[in-house]
C-alpha atoms as a PDB file:
ATOM      1  CA  MET A   1      22.798 -34.733  -3.585  1.00  0.00           C
ATOM      2  CA  LEU A   2      20.897 -32.823  -0.906  1.00  0.00           C
ATOM      3  CA  ASP A   3      17.386 -33.767   0.052  1.00  0.00           C
ATOM      4  CA  PHE A   4      15.835 -30.332   0.420  1.00  0.00           C
ATOM      5  CA  GLU A   5      12.656 -31.599   2.003  1.00  0.00           C
ATOM      6  CA  GLU A   6      14.665 -33.320   4.718  1.00  0.00           C
ATOM      7  CA  GLU A   7      16.807 -30.247   5.270  1.00  0.00           C
ATOM      8  CA  LEU A   8      13.719 -28.064   5.591  1.00  0.00           C
ATOM      9  CA  LYS A   9      12.358 -30.369   8.278  1.00  0.00           C
ATOM     10  CA  LYS A  10      15.554 -29.861  10.287  1.00  0.00           C
ATOM     11  CA  PHE A  11      15.538 -26.086   9.889  1.00  0.00           C
ATOM     12  CA  ARG A  12      15.242 -24.029  13.083  1.00  0.00           C
ATOM     13  CA  PRO A  13      15.350 -20.217  12.867  1.00  0.00           C
ATOM     14  CA  SER A  14      17.937 -18.561  15.026  1.00  0.00           C
ATOM     15  CA  LEU A  15      16.808 -16.841  18.188  1.00  0.00           C
ATOM     16  CA  GLU A  16      18.198 -13.546  16.967  1.00  0.00           C
ATOM     17  CA  ILE A  17      15.782 -13.550  14.038  1.00  0.00           C
ATOM     18  CA  ASP A  18      12.847 -14.208  16.350  1.00  0.00           C
ATOM     19  CA  GLN A  19      13.933 -11.332  18.581  1.00  0.00           C
ATOM     20  CA  VAL A  20      14.237  -8.967  15.640  1.00  0.00           C
ATOM     21  CA  GLU A  21      10.817  -9.991  14.357  1.00  0.00           C
ATOM     22  CA  ASP A  22       9.268  -9.328  17.754  1.00  0.00           C
ATOM     23  CA  ASN A  23      10.893  -5.915  17.958  1.00  0.00           C
ATOM     24  CA  VAL A  24       9.808  -4.916  14.480  1.00  0.00           C
ATOM     25  CA  TYR A  25       6.212  -6.079  14.856  1.00  0.00           C
ATOM     26  CA  ASN A  26       5.791  -4.647  18.347  1.00  0.00           C
ATOM     27  CA  ASN A  27       7.076  -1.172  17.519  1.00  0.00           C
ATOM     28  CA  ASN A  28       5.065   1.506  15.879  1.00  0.00           C
ATOM     29  CA  LEU A  29       7.437   2.199  13.009  1.00  0.00           C
ATOM     30  CA  THR A  30       6.967   5.012  10.526  1.00  0.00           C
ATOM     31  CA  ASP A  31       6.699   3.788   6.981  1.00  0.00           C
ATOM     32  CA  VAL A  32       6.605   5.563   3.632  1.00  0.00           C
ATOM     33  CA  THR A  33       2.847   6.055   3.667  1.00  0.00           C
ATOM     34  CA  ASP A  34       3.063   7.714   7.084  1.00  0.00           C
ATOM     35  CA  LEU A  35       5.727  10.056   5.759  1.00  0.00           C
ATOM     36  CA  LEU A  36       3.676  10.902   2.685  1.00  0.00           C
ATOM     37  CA  ASP A  37       0.604  11.584   4.810  1.00  0.00           C
ATOM     38  CA  GLU A  38       2.586  13.943   7.001  1.00  0.00           C
ATOM     39  CA  MET A  39       4.040  15.740   3.995  1.00  0.00           C
ATOM     40  CA  LEU A  40       0.596  16.196   2.453  1.00  0.00           C
ATOM     41  CA  LYS A  41      -0.762  17.611   5.701  1.00  0.00           C
ATOM     42  CA  GLU A  42       2.071  20.128   5.850  1.00  0.00           C
ATOM     43  CA  ILE A  43       1.531  21.146   2.230  1.00  0.00           C
ATOM     44  CA  LYS A  44      -2.200  21.692   2.823  1.00  0.00           C
ATOM     45  CA  GLU A  45      -1.511  23.765   5.931  1.00  0.00           C
ATOM     46  CA  HIS A  46       0.825  26.088   4.020  1.00  0.00           C
ATOM     47  CA  GLN A  47      -1.525  26.773   1.122  1.00  0.00           C
END
């Protein structure tokens, strides 16, 4: 049987994951709330 605690101690995330995390957190990405804000602004301008 596996000892999960021991396996977790040995775990090391891959470098690719770290690179992706850095890229995601360091970029100013548009999310759903940004899109909704922009849509509401456009609707208000056209009324």
